[in-house]
Amino acid sequence: MSQKARFSIKISSEQYLAYYQRSVNNVSVVATDGRRIQFPAKLLQKFVTHDGIEGAFEMEFDDQHKLIELRKL
């Protein structure tokens, strides 16, 4: 059975550049239910705009905490 976690994030394009250049590898967020979630920054790459990344997201993962899907809400 899969689990879901929702979170909001705001990363400027300058901040994301550090992730893109691999000086920072992981993003850490607090889900709306209070869980802290850490995941590879590269998962956000498809959501980057000229302004960076901003919005609400939902992450779905399996019982072994393996990512199934990350989607923007």
PDB file of N, CA and C in Angstrom:
ATOM      1  N   MET A   1       0.846  -1.192   0.000  1.00  0.00           N
ATOM      2  CA  MET A   1       0.000   0.000   0.000  1.00  0.00           C
ATOM      3  C   MET A   1       0.883   1.243   0.000  1.00  0.00           C
ATOM      4  N   SER A   2       0.537   2.207  -0.825  1.00  0.00           N
ATOM      5  CA  SER A   2       1.354   3.408  -0.922  1.00  0.00           C
ATOM      6  C   SER A   2       0.954   4.429   0.146  1.00  0.00           C
ATOM      7  N   GLN A   3       1.900   5.315   0.432  1.00  0.00           N
ATOM      8  CA  GLN A   3       1.677   6.406   1.361  1.00  0.00           C
ATOM      9  C   GLN A   3       1.875   7.712   0.596  1.00  0.00           C
ATOM     10  N   LYS A   4       1.272   8.771   1.104  1.00  0.00           N
ATOM     11  CA  LYS A   4       1.410  10.075   0.465  1.00  0.00           C
ATOM     12  C   LYS A   4       1.802  11.113   1.505  1.00  0.00           C
ATOM     13  N   ALA A   5       2.530  12.105   1.053  1.00  0.00           N
ATOM     14  CA  ALA A   5       2.899  13.230   1.894  1.00  0.00           C
ATOM     15  C   ALA A   5       2.784  14.486   1.053  1.00  0.00           C
ATOM     16  N   ARG A   6       2.186  15.506   1.612  1.00  0.00           N
ATOM     17  CA  ARG A   6       2.057  16.797   0.923  1.00  0.00           C
ATOM     18  C   ARG A   6       2.929  17.828   1.607  1.00  0.00           C
ATOM     19  N   PHE A   7       3.486  18.716   0.794  1.00  0.00           N
ATOM     20  CA  PHE A   7       4.337  19.775   1.331  1.00  0.00           C
ATOM     21  C   PHE A   7       4.339  20.946   0.359  1.00  0.00           C
ATOM     22  N   SER A   8       4.691  22.099   0.871  1.00  0.00           N
ATOM     23  CA  SER A   8       4.874  23.293   0.052  1.00  0.00           C
ATOM     24  C   SER A   8       6.348  23.639   0.062  1.00  0.00           C
ATOM     25  N   ILE A   9       6.790  24.220  -1.028  1.00  0.00           N
ATOM     26  CA  ILE A   9       8.204  24.561  -1.132  1.00  0.00           C
ATOM     27  C   ILE A   9       8.358  25.832  -1.954  1.00  0.00           C
ATOM     28  N   LYS A  10       9.363  26.604  -1.608  1.00  0.00           N
ATOM     29  CA  LYS A  10       9.707  27.798  -2.380  1.00  0.00           C
ATOM     30  C   LYS A  10      11.233  27.878  -2.405  1.00  0.00           C
ATOM     31  N   ILE A  11      11.786  27.699  -3.596  1.00  0.00           N
ATOM     32  CA  ILE A  11      13.233  27.757  -3.789  1.00  0.00           C
ATOM     33  C   ILE A  11      13.486  28.716  -4.945  1.00  0.00           C
ATOM     34  N   SER A  12      14.276  29.739  -4.710  1.00  0.00           N
ATOM     35  CA  SER A  12      14.577  30.685  -5.788  1.00  0.00           C
ATOM     36  C   SER A  12      15.449  30.009  -6.837  1.00  0.00           C
ATOM     37  N   SER A  13      15.517  30.614  -8.006  1.00  0.00           N
ATOM     38  CA  SER A  13      16.350  30.036  -9.059  1.00  0.00           C
ATOM     39  C   SER A  13      17.816  30.024  -8.636  1.00  0.00           C
ATOM     40  N   GLU A  14      18.253  31.026  -7.875  1.00  0.00           N
ATOM     41  CA  GLU A  14      19.629  31.068  -7.384  1.00  0.00           C
ATOM     42  C   GLU A  14      19.884  29.937  -6.389  1.00  0.00           C
ATOM     43  N   GLN A  15      18.930  29.692  -5.508  1.00  0.00           N
ATOM     44  CA  GLN A  15      19.071  28.597  -4.543  1.00  0.00           C
ATOM     45  C   GLN A  15      19.098  27.254  -5.262  1.00  0.00           C
ATOM     46  N   TYR A  16      18.237  27.082  -6.258  1.00  0.00           N
ATOM     47  CA  TYR A  16      18.209  25.807  -6.960  1.00  0.00           C
ATOM     48  C   TYR A  16      19.497  25.566  -7.727  1.00  0.00           C
ATOM     49  N   LEU A  17      20.167  26.623  -8.148  1.00  0.00           N
ATOM     50  CA  LEU A  17      21.438  26.476  -8.852  1.00  0.00           C
ATOM     51  C   LEU A  17      22.437  25.686  -8.005  1.00  0.00           C
ATOM     52  N   ALA A  18      22.436  25.901  -6.689  1.00  0.00           N
ATOM     53  CA  ALA A  18      23.324  25.143  -5.796  1.00  0.00           C
ATOM     54  C   ALA A  18      22.974  23.650  -5.839  1.00  0.00           C
ATOM     55  N   TYR A  19      21.688  23.332  -5.911  1.00  0.00           N
ATOM     56  CA  TYR A  19      21.271  21.937  -6.034  1.00  0.00           C
ATOM     57  C   TYR A  19      21.699  21.384  -7.395  1.00  0.00           C
ATOM     58  N   TYR A  20      21.480  22.168  -8.436  1.00  0.00           N
ATOM     59  CA  TYR A  20      21.788  21.730  -9.796  1.00  0.00           C
ATOM     60  C   TYR A  20      23.285  21.484  -9.964  1.00  0.00           C
ATOM     61  N   GLN A  21      24.101  22.336  -9.349  1.00  0.00           N
ATOM     62  CA  GLN A  21      25.549  22.194  -9.447  1.00  0.00           C
ATOM     63  C   GLN A  21      26.080  21.143  -8.477  1.00  0.00           C
ATOM     64  N   ARG A  22      25.184  20.493  -7.755  1.00  0.00           N
ATOM     65  CA  ARG A  22      25.497  19.386  -6.855  1.00  0.00           C
ATOM     66  C   ARG A  22      26.290  19.790  -5.612  1.00  0.00           C
ATOM     67  N   SER A  23      26.333  21.101  -5.292  1.00  0.00           N
ATOM     68  CA  SER A  23      26.961  21.467  -4.026  1.00  0.00           C
ATOM     69  C   SER A  23      26.021  21.122  -2.870  1.00  0.00           C
ATOM     70  N   VAL A  24      24.733  20.977  -3.178  1.00  0.00           N
ATOM     71  CA  VAL A  24      23.736  20.493  -2.227  1.00  0.00           C
ATOM     72  C   VAL A  24      22.991  19.366  -2.939  1.00  0.00           C
ATOM     73  N   ASN A  25      22.945  18.178  -2.327  1.00  0.00           N
ATOM     74  CA  ASN A  25      22.362  17.026  -3.008  1.00  0.00           C
ATOM     75  C   ASN A  25      20.914  16.742  -2.633  1.00  0.00           C
ATOM     76  N   ASN A  26      20.511  17.074  -1.422  1.00  0.00           N
ATOM     77  CA  ASN A  26      19.181  16.699  -0.945  1.00  0.00           C
ATOM     78  C   ASN A  26      18.371  17.911  -0.509  1.00  0.00           C
ATOM     79  N   VAL A  27      17.078  17.768  -0.634  1.00  0.00           N
ATOM     80  CA  VAL A  27      16.122  18.760  -0.163  1.00  0.00           C
ATOM     81  C   VAL A  27      15.430  18.158   1.051  1.00  0.00           C
ATOM     82  N   SER A  28      15.230  18.963   2.080  1.00  0.00           N
ATOM     83  CA  SER A  28      14.520  18.517   3.272  1.00  0.00           C
ATOM     84  C   SER A  28      13.315  19.422   3.474  1.00  0.00           C
ATOM     85  N   VAL A  29      12.146  18.818   3.605  1.00  0.00           N
ATOM     86  CA  VAL A  29      10.907  19.572   3.786  1.00  0.00           C
ATOM     87  C   VAL A  29      10.119  18.974   4.945  1.00  0.00           C
ATOM     88  N   VAL A  30       9.191  19.751   5.467  1.00  0.00           N
ATOM     89  CA  VAL A  30       8.268  19.258   6.482  1.00  0.00           C
ATOM     90  C   VAL A  30       6.902  19.128   5.824  1.00  0.00           C
ATOM     91  N   ALA A  31       6.373  17.926   5.833  1.00  0.00           N
ATOM     92  CA  ALA A  31       5.065  17.666   5.239  1.00  0.00           C
ATOM     93  C   ALA A  31       3.972  18.312   6.083  1.00  0.00           C
ATOM     94  N   THR A  32       2.796  18.439   5.511  1.00  0.00           N
ATOM     95  CA  THR A  32       1.679  19.063   6.227  1.00  0.00           C
ATOM     96  C   THR A  32       1.288  18.285   7.477  1.00  0.00           C
ATOM     97  N   ASP A  33       1.635  16.985   7.529  1.00  0.00           N
ATOM     98  CA  ASP A  33       1.327  16.186   8.716  1.00  0.00           C
ATOM     99  C   ASP A  33       2.459  16.187   9.744  1.00  0.00           C
ATOM    100  N   GLY A  34       3.517  16.989   9.489  1.00  0.00           N
ATOM    101  CA  GLY A  34       4.613  17.134  10.444  1.00  0.00           C
ATOM    102  C   GLY A  34       5.817  16.247  10.192  1.00  0.00           C
ATOM    103  N   ARG A  35       5.708  15.295   9.273  1.00  0.00           N
ATOM    104  CA  ARG A  35       6.862  14.435   8.963  1.00  0.00           C
ATOM    105  C   ARG A  35       7.928  15.224   8.217  1.00  0.00           C
ATOM    106  N   ARG A  36       9.183  14.965   8.563  1.00  0.00           N
ATOM    107  CA  ARG A  36      10.288  15.545   7.811  1.00  0.00           C
ATOM    108  C   ARG A  36      10.650  14.557   6.716  1.00  0.00           C
ATOM    109  N   ILE A  37      10.750  15.062   5.489  1.00  0.00           N
ATOM    110  CA  ILE A  37      11.049  14.228   4.327  1.00  0.00           C
ATOM    111  C   ILE A  37      12.288  14.790   3.651  1.00  0.00           C
ATOM    112  N   GLN A  38      13.224  13.908   3.370  1.00  0.00           N
ATOM    113  CA  GLN A  38      14.436  14.286   2.653  1.00  0.00           C
ATOM    114  C   GLN A  38      14.488  13.482   1.365  1.00  0.00           C
ATOM    115  N   PHE A  39      14.812  14.162   0.271  1.00  0.00           N
ATOM    116  CA  PHE A  39      14.850  13.486  -1.022  1.00  0.00           C
ATOM    117  C   PHE A  39      15.856  14.170  -1.939  1.00  0.00           C
ATOM    118  N   PRO A  40      16.303  13.468  -2.980  1.00  0.00           N
ATOM    119  CA  PRO A  40      17.277  14.049  -3.912  1.00  0.00           C
ATOM    120  C   PRO A  40      16.711  15.281  -4.628  1.00  0.00           C
ATOM    121  N   ALA A  41      17.505  16.325  -4.672  1.00  0.00           N
ATOM    122  CA  ALA A  41      17.083  17.570  -5.320  1.00  0.00           C
ATOM    123  C   ALA A  41      16.753  17.375  -6.789  1.00  0.00           C
ATOM    124  N   LYS A  42      17.378  16.394  -7.422  1.00  0.00           N
ATOM    125  CA  LYS A  42      17.145  16.183  -8.854  1.00  0.00           C
ATOM    126  C   LYS A  42      15.689  15.846  -9.163  1.00  0.00           C
ATOM    127  N   LEU A  43      14.930  15.391  -8.167  1.00  0.00           N
ATOM    128  CA  LEU A  43      13.515  15.084  -8.393  1.00  0.00           C
ATOM    129  C   LEU A  43      12.694  16.335  -8.700  1.00  0.00           C
ATOM    130  N   LEU A  44      13.195  17.498  -8.303  1.00  0.00           N
ATOM    131  CA  LEU A  44      12.476  18.753  -8.532  1.00  0.00           C
ATOM    132  C   LEU A  44      12.803  19.394  -9.878  1.00  0.00           C
ATOM    133  N   GLN A  45      13.768  18.854 -10.588  1.00  0.00           N
ATOM    134  CA  GLN A  45      14.262  19.491 -11.803  1.00  0.00           C
ATOM    135  C   GLN A  45      13.158  19.791 -12.814  1.00  0.00           C
ATOM    136  N   LYS A  46      12.214  18.888 -12.971  1.00  0.00           N
ATOM    137  CA  LYS A  46      11.163  19.113 -13.977  1.00  0.00           C
ATOM    138  C   LYS A  46      10.182  20.212 -13.587  1.00  0.00           C
ATOM    139  N   PHE A  47      10.269  20.713 -12.349  1.00  0.00           N
ATOM    140  CA  PHE A  47       9.358  21.763 -11.889  1.00  0.00           C
ATOM    141  C   PHE A  47      10.017  23.142 -11.849  1.00  0.00           C
ATOM    142  N   VAL A  48      11.267  23.248 -12.274  1.00  0.00           N
ATOM    143  CA  VAL A  48      11.999  24.509 -12.221  1.00  0.00           C
ATOM    144  C   VAL A  48      11.520  25.458 -13.306  1.00  0.00           C
ATOM    145  N   THR A  49      11.274  26.700 -12.915  1.00  0.00           N
ATOM    146  CA  THR A  49      10.956  27.769 -13.863  1.00  0.00           C
ATOM    147  C   THR A  49      12.045  28.835 -13.741  1.00  0.00           C
ATOM    148  N   HIS A  50      11.920  29.913 -14.473  1.00  0.00           N
ATOM    149  CA  HIS A  50      12.900  31.006 -14.374  1.00  0.00           C
ATOM    150  C   HIS A  50      12.923  31.602 -12.973  1.00  0.00           C
ATOM    151  N   ASP A  51      11.817  31.496 -12.264  1.00  0.00           N
ATOM    152  CA  ASP A  51      11.729  32.042 -10.904  1.00  0.00           C
ATOM    153  C   ASP A  51      12.147  31.043  -9.835  1.00  0.00           C
ATOM    154  N   GLY A  52      12.409  29.809 -10.213  1.00  0.00           N
ATOM    155  CA  GLY A  52      12.774  28.775  -9.250  1.00  0.00           C
ATOM    156  C   GLY A  52      11.676  27.728  -9.167  1.00  0.00           C
ATOM    157  N   ILE A  53      11.420  27.280  -7.945  1.00  0.00           N
ATOM    158  CA  ILE A  53      10.382  26.267  -7.709  1.00  0.00           C
ATOM    159  C   ILE A  53       9.491  26.777  -6.586  1.00  0.00           C
ATOM    160  N   GLU A  54       8.190  26.769  -6.830  1.00  0.00           N
ATOM    161  CA  GLU A  54       7.253  27.222  -5.802  1.00  0.00           C
ATOM    162  C   GLU A  54       5.932  26.494  -5.985  1.00  0.00           C
ATOM    163  N   GLY A  55       5.355  26.080  -4.858  1.00  0.00           N
ATOM    164  CA  GLY A  55       4.038  25.478  -4.923  1.00  0.00           C
ATOM    165  C   GLY A  55       3.845  24.352  -3.944  1.00  0.00           C
ATOM    166  N   ALA A  56       2.689  23.725  -4.063  1.00  0.00           N
ATOM    167  CA  ALA A  56       2.332  22.572  -3.233  1.00  0.00           C
ATOM    168  C   ALA A  56       2.595  21.309  -4.044  1.00  0.00           C
ATOM    169  N   PHE A  57       3.122  20.309  -3.368  1.00  0.00           N
ATOM    170  CA  PHE A  57       3.482  19.055  -4.016  1.00  0.00           C
ATOM    171  C   PHE A  57       2.945  17.884  -3.205  1.00  0.00           C
ATOM    172  N   GLU A  58       2.806  16.760  -3.888  1.00  0.00           N
ATOM    173  CA  GLU A  58       2.436  15.519  -3.224  1.00  0.00           C
ATOM    174  C   GLU A  58       3.421  14.445  -3.664  1.00  0.00           C
ATOM    175  N   MET A  59       3.972  13.768  -2.679  1.00  0.00           N
ATOM    176  CA  MET A  59       4.911  12.683  -2.927  1.00  0.00           C
ATOM    177  C   MET A  59       4.234  11.381  -2.538  1.00  0.00           C
ATOM    178  N   GLU A  60       4.286  10.420  -3.440  1.00  0.00           N
ATOM    179  CA  GLU A  60       3.726   9.097  -3.150  1.00  0.00           C
ATOM    180  C   GLU A  60       4.878   8.108  -3.097  1.00  0.00           C
ATOM    181  N   PHE A  61       4.892   7.274  -2.065  1.00  0.00           N
ATOM    182  CA  PHE A  61       5.960   6.298  -1.912  1.00  0.00           C
ATOM    183  C   PHE A  61       5.400   5.003  -1.358  1.00  0.00           C
ATOM    184  N   ASP A  62       6.172   3.920  -1.543  1.00  0.00           N
ATOM    185  CA  ASP A  62       5.702   2.611  -1.097  1.00  0.00           C
ATOM    186  C   ASP A  62       6.089   2.355   0.364  1.00  0.00           C
ATOM    187  N   ASP A  63       5.777   1.176   0.856  1.00  0.00           N
ATOM    188  CA  ASP A  63       6.039   0.840   2.260  1.00  0.00           C
ATOM    189  C   ASP A  63       7.528   0.794   2.596  1.00  0.00           C
ATOM    190  N   GLN A  64       8.371   0.656   1.584  1.00  0.00           N
ATOM    191  CA  GLN A  64       9.824   0.674   1.789  1.00  0.00           C
ATOM    192  C   GLN A  64      10.393   2.082   1.575  1.00  0.00           C
ATOM    193  N   HIS A  65       9.509   3.064   1.487  1.00  0.00           N
ATOM    194  CA  HIS A  65       9.861   4.481   1.310  1.00  0.00           C
ATOM    195  C   HIS A  65      10.503   4.770  -0.041  1.00  0.00           C
ATOM    196  N   LYS A  66      10.236   3.931  -1.028  1.00  0.00           N
ATOM    197  CA  LYS A  66      10.724   4.166  -2.374  1.00  0.00           C
ATOM    198  C   LYS A  66       9.713   5.037  -3.117  1.00  0.00           C
ATOM    199  N   LEU A  67      10.221   6.067  -3.766  1.00  0.00           N
ATOM    200  CA  LEU A  67       9.364   7.011  -4.474  1.00  0.00           C
ATOM    201  C   LEU A  67       8.592   6.333  -5.599  1.00  0.00           C
ATOM    202  N   ILE A  68       7.304   6.598  -5.620  1.00  0.00           N
ATOM    203  CA  ILE A  68       6.453   6.157  -6.724  1.00  0.00           C
ATOM    204  C   ILE A  68       6.237   7.334  -7.672  1.00  0.00           C
ATOM    205  N   GLU A  69       5.890   8.493  -7.103  1.00  0.00           N
ATOM    206  CA  GLU A  69       5.617   9.674  -7.932  1.00  0.00           C
ATOM    207  C   GLU A  69       5.717  10.946  -7.099  1.00  0.00           C
ATOM    208  N   LEU A  70       6.198  12.005  -7.742  1.00  0.00           N
ATOM    209  CA  LEU A  70       6.194  13.350  -7.171  1.00  0.00           C
ATOM    210  C   LEU A  70       5.414  14.207  -8.135  1.00  0.00           C
ATOM    211  N   ARG A  71       4.366  14.859  -7.658  1.00  0.00           N
ATOM    212  CA  ARG A  71       3.559  15.692  -8.552  1.00  0.00           C
ATOM    213  C   ARG A  71       3.247  17.045  -7.896  1.00  0.00           C
ATOM    214  N   LYS A  72       3.123  18.023  -8.752  1.00  0.00           N
ATOM    215  CA  LYS A  72       2.750  19.355  -8.292  1.00  0.00           C
ATOM    216  C   LYS A  72       1.235  19.433  -8.239  1.00  0.00           C
ATOM    217  N   LEU A  73       0.717  19.969  -7.157  1.00  0.00           N
ATOM    218  CA  LEU A  73      -0.739  20.082  -7.009  1.00  0.00           C
ATOM    219  C   LEU A  73      -1.264  21.394  -7.549  1.00  0.00           C
TER     220      LEU A  73
END
